[in-house]
N, C-alpha and C. Protein backbone atom coordinates (compact mmCIF):
# COMPACT_ATOMS: atom_id res chain seq x y z
N MET A 1 -8.07 7.57 -20.67
CA MET A 1 -7.95 6.96 -19.37
C MET A 1 -7.26 7.94 -18.43
N SER A 2 -7.83 8.12 -17.26
CA SER A 2 -7.23 9.05 -16.30
C SER A 2 -6.12 8.37 -15.52
N GLU A 3 -5.20 9.17 -15.06
CA GLU A 3 -4.08 8.66 -14.28
C GLU A 3 -4.53 8.26 -12.89
N ILE A 4 -3.95 7.19 -12.37
CA ILE A 4 -4.24 6.73 -11.01
C ILE A 4 -3.37 7.54 -10.05
N THR A 5 -3.99 8.02 -8.99
CA THR A 5 -3.24 8.77 -7.97
C THR A 5 -2.77 7.80 -6.88
N ILE A 6 -1.85 8.28 -6.08
CA ILE A 6 -1.36 7.46 -4.98
C ILE A 6 -2.49 7.12 -4.01
N ASP A 7 -3.39 8.08 -3.76
CA ASP A 7 -4.51 7.81 -2.86
C ASP A 7 -5.44 6.76 -3.44
N ASP A 8 -5.67 6.81 -4.77
CA ASP A 8 -6.49 5.77 -5.42
C ASP A 8 -5.83 4.40 -5.25
N ALA A 9 -4.53 4.35 -5.48
CA ALA A 9 -3.81 3.09 -5.44
C ALA A 9 -3.80 2.46 -4.06
N LEU A 10 -3.72 3.27 -3.02
CA LEU A 10 -3.62 2.75 -1.66
C LEU A 10 -4.96 2.64 -0.93
N ALA A 11 -6.01 3.23 -1.49
CA ALA A 11 -7.31 3.31 -0.80
C ALA A 11 -7.86 1.95 -0.39
N SER A 12 -7.76 0.96 -1.24
CA SER A 12 -8.37 -0.33 -0.93
C SER A 12 -7.63 -1.10 0.16
N PHE A 13 -6.42 -0.65 0.50
CA PHE A 13 -5.65 -1.34 1.54
C PHE A 13 -5.92 -0.82 2.94
N GLY A 14 -6.63 0.29 3.05
CA GLY A 14 -6.85 0.89 4.37
C GLY A 14 -5.56 1.53 4.85
N VAL A 15 -5.18 1.22 6.07
CA VAL A 15 -3.97 1.80 6.65
C VAL A 15 -2.74 1.05 6.15
N VAL A 16 -1.75 1.78 5.66
CA VAL A 16 -0.47 1.18 5.27
C VAL A 16 0.63 1.78 6.13
N GLU A 17 1.70 1.04 6.30
CA GLU A 17 2.82 1.52 7.09
C GLU A 17 3.47 2.73 6.43
N GLU A 18 4.10 3.56 7.23
CA GLU A 18 4.74 4.77 6.72
C GLU A 18 5.78 4.44 5.64
N ARG A 19 6.53 3.37 5.85
CA ARG A 19 7.56 2.99 4.87
C ARG A 19 6.93 2.68 3.52
N SER A 20 5.79 1.99 3.53
CA SER A 20 5.11 1.65 2.27
C SER A 20 4.59 2.91 1.59
N ARG A 21 4.00 3.79 2.36
CA ARG A 21 3.48 5.04 1.79
C ARG A 21 4.62 5.87 1.20
N THR A 22 5.75 5.95 1.88
CA THR A 22 6.91 6.71 1.37
C THR A 22 7.40 6.11 0.06
N MET A 23 7.46 4.78 -0.01
CA MET A 23 7.90 4.14 -1.26
C MET A 23 6.89 4.42 -2.38
N ALA A 24 5.61 4.35 -2.07
CA ALA A 24 4.58 4.64 -3.08
C ALA A 24 4.71 6.08 -3.57
N GLU A 25 4.90 7.01 -2.66
CA GLU A 25 5.08 8.41 -3.06
C GLU A 25 6.31 8.57 -3.95
N PHE A 26 7.39 7.88 -3.62
CA PHE A 26 8.61 7.94 -4.43
C PHE A 26 8.34 7.40 -5.83
N TRP A 27 7.71 6.21 -5.93
CA TRP A 27 7.45 5.61 -7.23
C TRP A 27 6.53 6.50 -8.07
N PHE A 28 5.50 7.05 -7.44
CA PHE A 28 4.57 7.91 -8.18
C PHE A 28 5.26 9.19 -8.65
N SER A 29 6.33 9.62 -7.99
CA SER A 29 7.04 10.85 -8.36
C SER A 29 8.01 10.65 -9.53
N LEU A 30 8.34 9.40 -9.85
CA LEU A 30 9.31 9.13 -10.90
C LEU A 30 8.73 9.43 -12.28
N PRO A 31 9.56 9.95 -13.20
CA PRO A 31 9.08 10.14 -14.57
C PRO A 31 8.81 8.78 -15.22
N LYS A 32 7.76 8.71 -16.02
CA LYS A 32 7.36 7.44 -16.61
C LYS A 32 7.22 7.54 -18.12
N THR A 33 7.50 6.43 -18.78
CA THR A 33 7.23 6.26 -20.20
C THR A 33 6.29 5.08 -20.30
N ASN A 34 5.15 5.28 -20.93
CA ASN A 34 4.12 4.23 -21.01
C ASN A 34 3.78 3.68 -19.62
N ARG A 35 3.58 4.59 -18.67
CA ARG A 35 3.15 4.31 -17.30
C ARG A 35 4.19 3.59 -16.44
N LEU A 36 5.43 3.49 -16.90
CA LEU A 36 6.44 2.74 -16.16
C LEU A 36 7.73 3.56 -16.06
N PRO A 37 8.27 3.74 -14.84
CA PRO A 37 9.55 4.43 -14.71
C PRO A 37 10.70 3.51 -15.11
N SER A 38 11.78 4.11 -15.52
CA SER A 38 12.99 3.36 -15.86
C SER A 38 13.83 3.17 -14.60
N ARG A 39 14.48 2.05 -14.50
CA ARG A 39 15.37 1.80 -13.36
C ARG A 39 16.45 2.87 -13.27
N ARG A 40 16.86 3.41 -14.40
CA ARG A 40 17.89 4.46 -14.41
C ARG A 40 17.46 5.73 -13.69
N THR A 41 16.15 5.95 -13.57
CA THR A 41 15.67 7.17 -12.90
C THR A 41 15.64 7.01 -11.39
N ILE A 42 15.86 5.80 -10.90
CA ILE A 42 15.80 5.56 -9.45
C ILE A 42 17.13 5.95 -8.81
N GLN A 43 17.06 6.92 -7.93
CA GLN A 43 18.22 7.36 -7.16
C GLN A 43 17.88 7.08 -5.68
N PRO A 44 18.29 5.92 -5.17
CA PRO A 44 17.91 5.55 -3.80
C PRO A 44 18.27 6.59 -2.75
N GLU A 45 19.32 7.36 -2.98
CA GLU A 45 19.70 8.38 -2.00
C GLU A 45 18.64 9.47 -1.86
N GLU A 46 17.69 9.54 -2.78
CA GLU A 46 16.59 10.50 -2.67
C GLU A 46 15.59 10.10 -1.58
N ILE A 47 15.67 8.87 -1.12
CA ILE A 47 14.78 8.39 -0.06
C ILE A 47 15.64 7.75 1.05
N PRO A 48 16.42 8.57 1.74
CA PRO A 48 17.39 8.03 2.71
C PRO A 48 16.75 7.18 3.81
N LYS A 49 15.53 7.49 4.23
CA LYS A 49 14.88 6.69 5.27
C LYS A 49 14.61 5.26 4.82
N LEU A 50 14.48 5.07 3.51
CA LEU A 50 14.18 3.75 2.98
C LEU A 50 15.42 2.99 2.52
N LEU A 51 16.53 3.68 2.41
CA LEU A 51 17.75 3.09 1.83
C LEU A 51 18.10 1.71 2.41
N PRO A 52 18.05 1.51 3.73
CA PRO A 52 18.41 0.18 4.25
C PRO A 52 17.44 -0.93 3.83
N TYR A 53 16.23 -0.55 3.42
CA TYR A 53 15.18 -1.53 3.15
C TYR A 53 14.92 -1.77 1.66
N ILE A 54 15.62 -1.05 0.80
CA ILE A 54 15.34 -1.12 -0.63
C ILE A 54 15.86 -2.42 -1.24
N LEU A 55 15.06 -2.96 -2.13
CA LEU A 55 15.44 -4.12 -2.94
C LEU A 55 15.04 -3.83 -4.38
N ILE A 56 15.88 -4.23 -5.31
CA ILE A 56 15.50 -4.25 -6.72
C ILE A 56 15.74 -5.66 -7.22
N HIS A 57 14.67 -6.27 -7.72
CA HIS A 57 14.74 -7.62 -8.27
C HIS A 57 14.62 -7.55 -9.78
N GLU A 58 15.43 -8.32 -10.48
CA GLU A 58 15.33 -8.45 -11.93
C GLU A 58 14.69 -9.81 -12.22
N LEU A 59 13.55 -9.80 -12.88
CA LEU A 59 12.79 -11.02 -13.14
C LEU A 59 13.25 -11.64 -14.46
N ILE A 60 14.26 -12.47 -14.39
CA ILE A 60 14.88 -13.05 -15.58
C ILE A 60 14.04 -14.20 -16.12
N SER A 61 13.53 -15.04 -15.24
CA SER A 61 12.67 -16.17 -15.63
C SER A 61 11.85 -16.57 -14.41
N PRO A 62 10.90 -17.49 -14.57
CA PRO A 62 10.12 -17.93 -13.40
C PRO A 62 10.98 -18.57 -12.31
N THR A 63 12.16 -19.07 -12.65
CA THR A 63 13.02 -19.72 -11.66
C THR A 63 14.25 -18.89 -11.30
N LEU A 64 14.41 -17.73 -11.91
CA LEU A 64 15.56 -16.87 -11.61
C LEU A 64 15.12 -15.42 -11.44
N ILE A 65 15.15 -14.97 -10.20
CA ILE A 65 14.83 -13.58 -9.86
C ILE A 65 16.07 -13.01 -9.17
N ARG A 66 16.88 -12.32 -9.95
CA ARG A 66 18.17 -11.82 -9.48
C ARG A 66 17.99 -10.58 -8.61
N ILE A 67 18.61 -10.57 -7.43
CA ILE A 67 18.60 -9.39 -6.56
C ILE A 67 19.69 -8.45 -7.08
N ARG A 68 19.28 -7.32 -7.63
CA ARG A 68 20.22 -6.36 -8.20
C ARG A 68 20.69 -5.33 -7.19
N LEU A 69 19.89 -5.06 -6.18
CA LEU A 69 20.27 -4.12 -5.13
C LEU A 69 19.56 -4.55 -3.86
N ALA A 70 20.32 -4.59 -2.76
CA ALA A 70 19.73 -4.95 -1.46
C ALA A 70 20.27 -4.00 -0.41
N GLY A 71 19.37 -3.36 0.32
CA GLY A 71 19.77 -2.48 1.41
C GLY A 71 20.34 -3.27 2.57
N THR A 72 21.02 -2.57 3.45
CA THR A 72 21.71 -3.23 4.57
C THR A 72 20.76 -3.97 5.49
N ALA A 73 19.56 -3.46 5.71
CA ALA A 73 18.60 -4.15 6.58
C ALA A 73 18.21 -5.50 5.99
N MET A 74 18.14 -5.58 4.67
CA MET A 74 17.80 -6.85 4.02
C MET A 74 18.95 -7.84 4.16
N ASP A 75 20.17 -7.36 4.05
CA ASP A 75 21.33 -8.24 4.23
C ASP A 75 21.42 -8.74 5.66
N ILE A 76 21.12 -7.87 6.62
CA ILE A 76 21.12 -8.27 8.03
C ILE A 76 20.05 -9.33 8.27
N LEU A 77 18.88 -9.13 7.70
CA LEU A 77 17.78 -10.10 7.84
C LEU A 77 18.21 -11.50 7.38
N HIS A 78 18.97 -11.54 6.28
CA HIS A 78 19.38 -12.83 5.71
C HIS A 78 20.75 -13.29 6.22
N GLY A 79 21.43 -12.44 6.97
CA GLY A 79 22.71 -12.83 7.54
C GLY A 79 23.87 -12.83 6.56
N ARG A 80 23.69 -12.20 5.41
CA ARG A 80 24.75 -12.13 4.39
C ARG A 80 24.35 -11.15 3.31
N SER A 81 25.31 -10.80 2.47
CA SER A 81 25.00 -9.95 1.33
C SER A 81 24.17 -10.75 0.34
N THR A 82 23.06 -10.16 -0.12
CA THR A 82 22.19 -10.88 -1.05
C THR A 82 22.24 -10.32 -2.47
N THR A 83 22.93 -9.20 -2.67
CA THR A 83 23.03 -8.63 -4.01
C THR A 83 23.67 -9.66 -4.95
N GLY A 84 23.03 -9.89 -6.08
CA GLY A 84 23.51 -10.85 -7.07
C GLY A 84 22.93 -12.24 -6.91
N MET A 85 22.30 -12.52 -5.79
CA MET A 85 21.74 -13.85 -5.55
C MET A 85 20.39 -14.02 -6.24
N ASN A 86 19.99 -15.28 -6.40
CA ASN A 86 18.64 -15.59 -6.86
C ASN A 86 17.72 -15.50 -5.64
N TYR A 87 16.78 -14.57 -5.67
CA TYR A 87 15.85 -14.39 -4.55
C TYR A 87 15.19 -15.71 -4.18
N LEU A 88 14.85 -16.52 -5.16
CA LEU A 88 14.13 -17.76 -4.89
C LEU A 88 14.95 -18.75 -4.08
N GLY A 89 16.26 -18.57 -4.04
CA GLY A 89 17.11 -19.40 -3.19
C GLY A 89 17.01 -19.03 -1.73
N LEU A 90 16.35 -17.91 -1.43
CA LEU A 90 16.22 -17.44 -0.05
C LEU A 90 14.86 -17.78 0.57
N VAL A 91 13.96 -18.33 -0.24
CA VAL A 91 12.62 -18.63 0.28
C VAL A 91 12.39 -20.14 0.33
N SER A 92 11.45 -20.54 1.16
CA SER A 92 11.16 -21.96 1.30
C SER A 92 10.56 -22.52 0.01
N GLU A 93 10.75 -23.82 -0.18
CA GLU A 93 10.25 -24.49 -1.39
C GLU A 93 8.77 -24.24 -1.62
N ASP A 94 7.98 -24.25 -0.56
CA ASP A 94 6.53 -24.10 -0.72
C ASP A 94 6.12 -22.70 -1.15
N ARG A 95 7.02 -21.71 -1.07
CA ARG A 95 6.70 -20.34 -1.46
C ARG A 95 7.28 -19.95 -2.81
N LYS A 96 8.22 -20.70 -3.33
CA LYS A 96 8.95 -20.29 -4.55
C LYS A 96 8.01 -20.00 -5.73
N GLU A 97 7.14 -20.93 -6.04
CA GLU A 97 6.26 -20.77 -7.20
C GLU A 97 5.31 -19.58 -7.04
N SER A 98 4.69 -19.45 -5.86
CA SER A 98 3.73 -18.35 -5.67
C SER A 98 4.44 -17.00 -5.62
N ASP A 99 5.62 -16.93 -5.00
CA ASP A 99 6.37 -15.67 -4.99
C ASP A 99 6.75 -15.25 -6.41
N SER A 100 7.27 -16.20 -7.18
CA SER A 100 7.66 -15.90 -8.55
C SER A 100 6.45 -15.46 -9.37
N ARG A 101 5.36 -16.19 -9.26
CA ARG A 101 4.15 -15.87 -10.03
C ARG A 101 3.63 -14.47 -9.67
N SER A 102 3.60 -14.13 -8.38
CA SER A 102 3.06 -12.81 -7.99
C SER A 102 3.95 -11.68 -8.49
N MET A 103 5.26 -11.89 -8.49
CA MET A 103 6.16 -10.86 -9.01
C MET A 103 6.00 -10.68 -10.52
N HIS A 104 5.92 -11.78 -11.23
CA HIS A 104 5.74 -11.69 -12.68
C HIS A 104 4.39 -11.07 -13.04
N LEU A 105 3.34 -11.40 -12.28
CA LEU A 105 2.03 -10.80 -12.54
C LEU A 105 2.07 -9.29 -12.32
N ALA A 106 2.74 -8.84 -11.26
CA ALA A 106 2.85 -7.40 -11.00
C ALA A 106 3.50 -6.68 -12.17
N CYS A 107 4.55 -7.28 -12.73
CA CYS A 107 5.24 -6.65 -13.87
C CYS A 107 4.41 -6.77 -15.15
N ASP A 108 3.81 -7.93 -15.38
CA ASP A 108 3.01 -8.14 -16.59
C ASP A 108 1.83 -7.18 -16.66
N HIS A 109 1.25 -6.85 -15.51
CA HIS A 109 0.05 -6.01 -15.46
C HIS A 109 0.32 -4.59 -14.99
N LEU A 110 1.62 -4.23 -14.88
CA LEU A 110 2.02 -2.88 -14.43
C LEU A 110 1.31 -2.53 -13.13
N ALA A 111 1.34 -3.45 -12.19
CA ALA A 111 0.63 -3.27 -10.93
C ALA A 111 1.61 -3.33 -9.76
N GLY A 112 1.34 -2.51 -8.76
CA GLY A 112 2.10 -2.62 -7.52
C GLY A 112 1.52 -3.75 -6.68
N LYS A 113 2.24 -4.12 -5.64
CA LYS A 113 1.70 -5.12 -4.73
C LYS A 113 2.08 -4.74 -3.31
N LEU A 114 1.16 -4.98 -2.41
CA LEU A 114 1.34 -4.71 -0.99
C LEU A 114 0.97 -5.98 -0.25
N VAL A 115 1.93 -6.55 0.48
CA VAL A 115 1.69 -7.83 1.15
C VAL A 115 2.27 -7.81 2.56
N GLN A 116 1.74 -8.68 3.38
CA GLN A 116 2.31 -8.95 4.70
C GLN A 116 3.10 -10.25 4.58
N ILE A 117 4.37 -10.20 4.97
CA ILE A 117 5.23 -11.38 4.89
C ILE A 117 5.61 -11.82 6.29
N ARG A 118 5.45 -13.10 6.54
CA ARG A 118 5.88 -13.68 7.81
C ARG A 118 7.11 -14.52 7.49
N SER A 119 8.21 -14.21 8.17
CA SER A 119 9.46 -14.92 7.89
C SER A 119 10.23 -15.15 9.18
N THR A 120 11.23 -16.01 9.07
CA THR A 120 12.11 -16.30 10.20
C THR A 120 13.46 -15.67 9.91
N THR A 121 13.95 -14.87 10.84
CA THR A 121 15.24 -14.22 10.66
C THR A 121 16.36 -15.23 10.85
N ILE A 122 17.57 -14.82 10.49
CA ILE A 122 18.74 -15.67 10.66
C ILE A 122 18.93 -16.05 12.13
N ALA A 123 18.47 -15.18 13.04
CA ALA A 123 18.58 -15.44 14.48
C ALA A 123 17.45 -16.33 14.99
N GLY A 124 16.53 -16.74 14.09
CA GLY A 124 15.44 -17.62 14.48
C GLY A 124 14.17 -16.91 14.95
N ARG A 125 14.16 -15.57 14.89
CA ARG A 125 12.96 -14.81 15.28
C ARG A 125 11.94 -14.84 14.15
N ILE A 126 10.68 -15.03 14.51
CA ILE A 126 9.60 -14.95 13.52
C ILE A 126 9.12 -13.51 13.50
N GLN A 127 9.03 -12.95 12.31
CA GLN A 127 8.57 -11.56 12.19
C GLN A 127 7.59 -11.44 11.05
N THR A 128 6.68 -10.48 11.19
CA THR A 128 5.75 -10.13 10.12
C THR A 128 6.07 -8.70 9.71
N ARG A 129 6.18 -8.48 8.42
CA ARG A 129 6.49 -7.13 7.93
C ARG A 129 5.69 -6.86 6.67
N GLU A 130 5.43 -5.59 6.46
CA GLU A 130 4.71 -5.17 5.26
C GLU A 130 5.72 -4.90 4.16
N VAL A 131 5.41 -5.36 2.97
CA VAL A 131 6.28 -5.17 1.82
C VAL A 131 5.45 -4.56 0.69
N ILE A 132 5.99 -3.53 0.06
CA ILE A 132 5.34 -2.93 -1.10
C ILE A 132 6.31 -2.99 -2.26
N ALA A 133 5.80 -3.24 -3.45
CA ALA A 133 6.65 -3.36 -4.63
C ALA A 133 5.96 -2.73 -5.83
N PHE A 134 6.78 -2.14 -6.69
CA PHE A 134 6.28 -1.51 -7.92
C PHE A 134 7.16 -1.92 -9.09
N PRO A 135 6.57 -2.13 -10.26
CA PRO A 135 7.37 -2.49 -11.43
C PRO A 135 8.15 -1.28 -11.96
N VAL A 136 9.34 -1.56 -12.47
CA VAL A 136 10.15 -0.55 -13.15
C VAL A 136 10.73 -1.19 -14.40
N ARG A 137 11.00 -0.37 -15.40
CA ARG A 137 11.58 -0.84 -16.65
C ARG A 137 13.06 -1.15 -16.41
N GLY A 138 13.46 -2.39 -16.66
CA GLY A 138 14.85 -2.78 -16.46
C GLY A 138 15.75 -2.24 -17.56
N GLU A 139 17.04 -2.44 -17.38
CA GLU A 139 18.01 -1.96 -18.37
C GLU A 139 18.09 -2.88 -19.57
N GLY A 140 17.72 -4.14 -19.41
CA GLY A 140 17.69 -5.09 -20.52
C GLY A 140 16.24 -5.39 -20.87
N THR A 141 15.97 -6.64 -21.17
CA THR A 141 14.60 -7.02 -21.52
C THR A 141 13.81 -7.50 -20.31
N ALA A 142 14.52 -7.88 -19.24
CA ALA A 142 13.83 -8.39 -18.04
C ALA A 142 13.23 -7.26 -17.23
N PRO A 143 11.97 -7.41 -16.81
CA PRO A 143 11.37 -6.39 -15.95
C PRO A 143 12.00 -6.41 -14.55
N ASN A 144 11.86 -5.32 -13.84
CA ASN A 144 12.39 -5.19 -12.48
C ASN A 144 11.26 -4.82 -11.54
N LEU A 145 11.43 -5.16 -10.26
CA LEU A 145 10.51 -4.74 -9.21
C LEU A 145 11.31 -3.99 -8.16
N LEU A 146 10.78 -2.85 -7.73
CA LEU A 146 11.37 -2.03 -6.68
C LEU A 146 10.58 -2.31 -5.40
N PHE A 147 11.26 -2.76 -4.36
CA PHE A 147 10.64 -3.16 -3.09
C PHE A 147 11.13 -2.30 -1.93
N THR A 148 10.34 -2.26 -0.89
CA THR A 148 10.78 -1.90 0.44
C THR A 148 9.93 -2.66 1.43
């Protein structure tokens, strides 16, 4: 089986935002074991432009997705520090199941995901933003997702 390139991975999406492309390039540059990088190899300071937007989620169960790292822009969006929180506590009831399922599927199938998210900020502004996520091997048994 041949290796998938970054251009192969992003081709079906057409145009992606610069932030998403930078995150994809970073993930593809990480050393991998069985096609998956280890969370220990992630040095967020290597991508300073993305640092405020980085999230690492630990998928403990379908109802518990622990935020292990949240950049400052993410904390500002939510109006508080989110590191250590259950991500699912930050989303509306109607999105919890589908958000959890899509994250677990990405990890189960070693697949990245690129989505457009429409949300309301703490100040009441509605915004749409592009989010890209890639699976990484967690330090324990739970898989992790690296987001921006």
